[in-house]
């Protein structure tokens, strides 16, 4: 919806498209493809492969490098680090690494 607010500000409504996935694995595979091959993201991954600083990569994904951000949530980096730190996620990542190595 669109309409005026107080102080000369305006309310603007946006309609965005989001992908839907049948499985969590499919969602993560798509996320991985975006970060490794996406037009606005592959150069960030190359830089990360050189500096190996996850916090810097996450800041870049939030637009700190001046490129379009992946995440607009100002707490994206904190939330993602919390998620990565969960035991079940660590176990899933370890299993994925084992499968890749085999």
N, C-alpha and C. Protein backbone atom coordinates (compact mmCIF):
# COMPACT_ATOMS: atom_id res chain seq x y z
N UNK A 1 0.84 -1.19 0.00
CA UNK A 1 0.00 0.00 0.00
C UNK A 1 0.87 1.24 0.00
N UNK A 2 0.36 2.29 -0.55
CA UNK A 2 1.08 3.55 -0.64
C UNK A 2 0.24 4.63 0.02
N UNK A 3 0.90 5.51 0.73
CA UNK A 3 0.16 6.58 1.36
C UNK A 3 1.07 7.50 2.15
N UNK A 4 0.62 8.69 2.40
CA UNK A 4 1.45 9.65 3.14
C UNK A 4 1.52 9.32 4.63
N UNK A 5 2.65 9.61 5.22
CA UNK A 5 2.84 9.51 6.66
C UNK A 5 3.14 10.90 7.19
N UNK A 6 3.24 11.07 8.47
CA UNK A 6 3.55 12.38 9.03
C UNK A 6 4.98 12.78 8.71
N UNK A 7 5.25 14.06 8.73
CA UNK A 7 6.60 14.57 8.54
C UNK A 7 7.09 14.50 7.10
N UNK A 8 6.18 14.44 6.15
CA UNK A 8 6.58 14.42 4.75
C UNK A 8 7.06 13.07 4.25
N UNK A 9 6.98 12.06 5.09
CA UNK A 9 7.39 10.71 4.66
C UNK A 9 6.21 10.01 4.02
N UNK A 10 6.54 9.01 3.18
CA UNK A 10 5.49 8.24 2.50
C UNK A 10 5.68 6.77 2.78
N UNK A 11 4.56 6.09 2.88
CA UNK A 11 4.55 4.64 3.03
C UNK A 11 4.51 4.02 1.63
N UNK A 12 5.43 3.08 1.37
CA UNK A 12 5.50 2.45 0.07
C UNK A 12 5.43 0.94 0.26
N UNK A 13 4.60 0.30 -0.49
CA UNK A 13 4.50 -1.16 -0.44
C UNK A 13 5.26 -1.77 -1.61
N UNK A 14 5.95 -2.86 -1.35
CA UNK A 14 6.69 -3.56 -2.38
C UNK A 14 6.20 -5.00 -2.47
N UNK A 15 6.22 -5.52 -3.65
CA UNK A 15 5.89 -6.93 -3.86
C UNK A 15 7.17 -7.61 -4.33
N UNK A 16 7.66 -8.52 -3.54
CA UNK A 16 8.91 -9.22 -3.85
C UNK A 16 8.63 -10.68 -4.15
N UNK A 17 9.49 -11.29 -4.95
CA UNK A 17 9.38 -12.71 -5.25
C UNK A 17 10.42 -13.47 -4.44
N UNK A 18 10.02 -14.60 -3.90
CA UNK A 18 10.92 -15.44 -3.14
C UNK A 18 10.83 -16.86 -3.68
N UNK A 19 11.95 -17.55 -3.65
CA UNK A 19 11.97 -18.94 -4.10
C UNK A 19 11.39 -19.85 -3.02
N UNK A 20 10.78 -20.93 -3.45
CA UNK A 20 10.28 -21.95 -2.54
C UNK A 20 10.99 -23.25 -2.87
N UNK A 21 11.34 -24.02 -1.86
CA UNK A 21 12.10 -25.25 -2.05
C UNK A 21 11.37 -26.41 -1.39
N UNK A 22 11.49 -27.58 -2.02
CA UNK A 22 10.85 -28.78 -1.47
C UNK A 22 11.58 -29.34 -0.27
N UNK A 23 12.90 -29.11 -0.20
CA UNK A 23 13.69 -29.64 0.91
C UNK A 23 14.67 -28.59 1.40
N UNK A 24 15.14 -28.77 2.60
CA UNK A 24 16.16 -27.89 3.15
C UNK A 24 17.45 -28.03 2.35
N UNK A 25 17.75 -29.26 1.93
CA UNK A 25 18.95 -29.49 1.12
C UNK A 25 18.90 -28.70 -0.18
N UNK A 26 17.75 -28.66 -0.83
CA UNK A 26 17.61 -27.90 -2.07
C UNK A 26 17.79 -26.40 -1.82
N UNK A 27 17.29 -25.93 -0.69
CA UNK A 27 17.45 -24.51 -0.35
C UNK A 27 18.91 -24.16 -0.14
N UNK A 28 19.63 -25.00 0.59
CA UNK A 28 21.05 -24.74 0.83
C UNK A 28 21.87 -24.88 -0.45
N UNK A 29 21.51 -25.81 -1.32
CA UNK A 29 22.21 -25.97 -2.59
C UNK A 29 22.04 -24.71 -3.44
N UNK A 30 20.84 -24.15 -3.45
CA UNK A 30 20.59 -22.92 -4.20
C UNK A 30 21.37 -21.76 -3.60
N UNK A 31 21.40 -21.67 -2.29
CA UNK A 31 22.15 -20.62 -1.59
C UNK A 31 23.64 -20.74 -1.94
N UNK A 32 24.15 -21.96 -1.93
CA UNK A 32 25.55 -22.19 -2.28
C UNK A 32 25.86 -21.77 -3.71
N UNK A 33 24.96 -22.10 -4.64
CA UNK A 33 25.16 -21.70 -6.04
C UNK A 33 25.15 -20.18 -6.17
N UNK A 34 24.26 -19.53 -5.45
CA UNK A 34 24.19 -18.08 -5.50
C UNK A 34 25.50 -17.46 -5.02
N UNK A 35 26.03 -17.96 -3.91
CA UNK A 35 27.25 -17.38 -3.35
C UNK A 35 28.49 -17.72 -4.16
N UNK A 36 28.48 -18.84 -4.86
CA UNK A 36 29.67 -19.22 -5.61
C UNK A 36 29.63 -18.79 -7.07
N UNK A 37 28.45 -18.62 -7.63
CA UNK A 37 28.36 -18.31 -9.05
C UNK A 37 27.51 -17.09 -9.37
N UNK A 38 26.82 -16.55 -8.39
CA UNK A 38 25.96 -15.39 -8.62
C UNK A 38 26.76 -14.16 -9.02
N UNK A 39 26.21 -13.40 -9.94
CA UNK A 39 26.89 -12.23 -10.50
C UNK A 39 27.44 -11.28 -9.43
N UNK A 40 26.67 -11.02 -8.40
CA UNK A 40 27.11 -10.08 -7.36
C UNK A 40 27.87 -10.75 -6.22
N UNK A 41 28.12 -12.05 -6.32
CA UNK A 41 28.67 -12.75 -5.17
C UNK A 41 29.95 -13.52 -5.44
N UNK A 42 30.18 -13.98 -6.66
CA UNK A 42 31.34 -14.84 -6.91
C UNK A 42 32.67 -14.14 -6.59
N UNK A 43 32.77 -12.83 -6.85
CA UNK A 43 33.99 -12.10 -6.53
C UNK A 43 34.20 -12.03 -5.01
N UNK A 44 33.13 -12.00 -4.25
CA UNK A 44 33.25 -12.00 -2.79
C UNK A 44 33.82 -13.32 -2.30
N UNK A 45 33.37 -14.41 -2.90
CA UNK A 45 33.89 -15.72 -2.52
C UNK A 45 35.38 -15.82 -2.86
N UNK A 46 35.78 -15.31 -4.00
CA UNK A 46 37.21 -15.33 -4.38
C UNK A 46 38.04 -14.56 -3.36
N UNK A 47 37.55 -13.40 -2.93
CA UNK A 47 38.27 -12.63 -1.90
C UNK A 47 38.33 -13.41 -0.60
N UNK A 48 37.22 -14.04 -0.23
CA UNK A 48 37.19 -14.83 1.00
C UNK A 48 38.21 -15.97 0.93
N UNK A 49 38.33 -16.62 -0.21
CA UNK A 49 39.28 -17.71 -0.36
C UNK A 49 40.71 -17.23 -0.15
N UNK A 50 40.96 -15.95 -0.32
CA UNK A 50 42.29 -15.39 -0.07
C UNK A 50 42.45 -14.97 1.39
N UNK A 51 41.47 -14.26 1.96
CA UNK A 51 41.64 -13.74 3.32
C UNK A 51 41.12 -14.69 4.41
N UNK A 52 40.19 -15.59 4.10
CA UNK A 52 39.64 -16.60 5.02
C UNK A 52 39.10 -16.00 6.32
N UNK A 53 38.44 -14.85 6.23
CA UNK A 53 37.84 -14.21 7.40
C UNK A 53 36.33 -14.22 7.22
N UNK A 54 35.66 -15.13 7.92
CA UNK A 54 34.22 -15.28 7.77
C UNK A 54 33.50 -13.98 8.11
N UNK A 55 33.94 -13.28 9.14
CA UNK A 55 33.29 -12.03 9.51
C UNK A 55 33.36 -11.00 8.38
N UNK A 56 34.47 -10.97 7.67
CA UNK A 56 34.62 -10.05 6.53
C UNK A 56 33.70 -10.46 5.38
N UNK A 57 33.61 -11.76 5.11
CA UNK A 57 32.71 -12.23 4.07
C UNK A 57 31.27 -11.86 4.40
N UNK A 58 30.87 -12.08 5.64
CA UNK A 58 29.50 -11.75 6.04
C UNK A 58 29.24 -10.25 5.94
N UNK A 59 30.21 -9.43 6.31
CA UNK A 59 30.05 -7.98 6.18
C UNK A 59 29.89 -7.61 4.70
N UNK A 60 30.67 -8.25 3.83
CA UNK A 60 30.55 -7.99 2.40
C UNK A 60 29.16 -8.39 1.89
N UNK A 61 28.64 -9.52 2.40
CA UNK A 61 27.31 -9.95 1.98
C UNK A 61 26.23 -8.96 2.42
N UNK A 62 26.56 -8.16 3.42
CA UNK A 62 25.64 -7.13 3.89
C UNK A 62 25.90 -5.80 3.18
N UNK A 63 26.85 -5.79 2.21
CA UNK A 63 27.09 -4.60 1.40
C UNK A 63 28.25 -3.75 1.85
N UNK A 64 29.07 -4.20 2.80
CA UNK A 64 30.19 -3.40 3.29
C UNK A 64 31.22 -3.12 2.20
N UNK A 65 31.24 -3.95 1.16
CA UNK A 65 32.20 -3.76 0.07
C UNK A 65 31.67 -2.82 -1.02
N UNK A 66 30.50 -2.23 -0.78
CA UNK A 66 29.94 -1.29 -1.74
C UNK A 66 29.15 -1.95 -2.85
N UNK A 67 29.04 -3.26 -2.85
CA UNK A 67 28.28 -4.00 -3.85
C UNK A 67 26.87 -4.26 -3.31
N UNK A 68 25.96 -4.64 -4.19
CA UNK A 68 24.59 -4.92 -3.71
C UNK A 68 24.60 -5.99 -2.62
N UNK A 69 23.87 -5.77 -1.55
CA UNK A 69 23.89 -6.75 -0.46
C UNK A 69 23.04 -7.97 -0.76
N UNK A 70 23.42 -9.09 -0.16
CA UNK A 70 22.57 -10.27 -0.16
C UNK A 70 21.55 -10.11 0.95
N UNK A 71 22.03 -9.62 2.09
CA UNK A 71 21.19 -9.54 3.28
C UNK A 71 20.93 -8.08 3.63
N UNK A 72 19.69 -7.79 3.93
CA UNK A 72 19.34 -6.44 4.38
C UNK A 72 19.11 -6.39 5.88
N UNK A 73 19.06 -7.55 6.52
CA UNK A 73 18.89 -7.61 7.97
C UNK A 73 20.20 -7.16 8.62
N UNK A 74 20.19 -6.11 9.43
CA UNK A 74 21.43 -5.64 10.03
C UNK A 74 22.07 -6.65 10.98
N UNK A 75 21.33 -7.68 11.38
CA UNK A 75 21.87 -8.71 12.26
C UNK A 75 22.14 -10.02 11.51
N UNK A 76 22.19 -9.97 10.18
CA UNK A 76 22.39 -11.17 9.36
C UNK A 76 23.65 -11.92 9.79
N UNK A 77 24.74 -11.20 9.95
CA UNK A 77 26.00 -11.87 10.30
C UNK A 77 25.92 -12.56 11.65
N UNK A 78 25.36 -11.90 12.63
CA UNK A 78 25.22 -12.49 13.96
C UNK A 78 24.32 -13.71 13.93
N UNK A 79 23.20 -13.60 13.24
CA UNK A 79 22.27 -14.73 13.15
C UNK A 79 22.89 -15.92 12.43
N UNK A 80 23.62 -15.65 11.34
CA UNK A 80 24.24 -16.75 10.60
C UNK A 80 25.33 -17.42 11.42
N UNK A 81 26.13 -16.64 12.13
CA UNK A 81 27.16 -17.23 12.99
C UNK A 81 26.54 -18.08 14.10
N UNK A 82 25.43 -17.64 14.67
CA UNK A 82 24.73 -18.43 15.68
C UNK A 82 24.22 -19.74 15.09
N UNK A 83 23.68 -19.67 13.90
CA UNK A 83 23.18 -20.86 13.23
C UNK A 83 24.32 -21.84 12.94
N UNK A 84 25.41 -21.34 12.40
CA UNK A 84 26.57 -22.18 12.08
C UNK A 84 27.12 -22.85 13.33
N UNK A 85 27.02 -22.17 14.47
CA UNK A 85 27.57 -22.69 15.72
C UNK A 85 26.73 -23.77 16.38
N UNK A 86 25.52 -24.03 15.89
CA UNK A 86 24.67 -25.05 16.49
C UNK A 86 25.22 -26.44 16.20
N UNK A 87 25.11 -27.31 17.18
CA UNK A 87 25.67 -28.66 17.07
C UNK A 87 25.11 -29.42 15.87
N UNK A 88 23.81 -29.32 15.63
CA UNK A 88 23.22 -30.06 14.51
C UNK A 88 23.71 -29.53 13.16
N UNK A 89 23.97 -28.24 13.07
CA UNK A 89 24.49 -27.67 11.83
C UNK A 89 25.94 -28.09 11.64
N UNK A 90 26.72 -28.06 12.71
CA UNK A 90 28.11 -28.53 12.62
C UNK A 90 28.16 -29.98 12.15
N UNK A 91 27.28 -30.81 12.68
CA UNK A 91 27.23 -32.23 12.30
C UNK A 91 26.85 -32.36 10.82
N UNK A 92 25.89 -31.59 10.36
CA UNK A 92 25.47 -31.65 8.96
C UNK A 92 26.59 -31.19 8.04
N UNK A 93 27.30 -30.14 8.44
CA UNK A 93 28.43 -29.67 7.63
C UNK A 93 29.54 -30.73 7.58
N UNK A 94 29.80 -31.38 8.69
CA UNK A 94 30.82 -32.44 8.71
C UNK A 94 30.42 -33.59 7.79
N UNK A 95 29.14 -33.98 7.81
CA UNK A 95 28.66 -35.04 6.93
C UNK A 95 28.79 -34.64 5.47
N UNK A 96 28.48 -33.40 5.16
CA UNK A 96 28.59 -32.91 3.78
C UNK A 96 30.04 -32.94 3.33
N UNK A 97 30.95 -32.57 4.21
CA UNK A 97 32.39 -32.61 3.86
C UNK A 97 32.85 -34.04 3.61
N UNK A 98 32.36 -34.98 4.41
CA UNK A 98 32.72 -36.39 4.22
C UNK A 98 32.22 -36.90 2.90
N UNK A 99 30.98 -36.56 2.54
CA UNK A 99 30.42 -36.99 1.25
C UNK A 99 31.21 -36.41 0.09
N UNK A 100 31.61 -35.16 0.23
CA UNK A 100 32.37 -34.48 -0.84
C UNK A 100 33.73 -35.14 -1.01
N UNK A 101 34.35 -35.52 0.11
CA UNK A 101 35.68 -36.14 0.07
C UNK A 101 35.63 -37.56 -0.51
N UNK A 102 34.50 -38.22 -0.38
CA UNK A 102 34.38 -39.63 -0.83
C UNK A 102 34.23 -39.74 -2.33
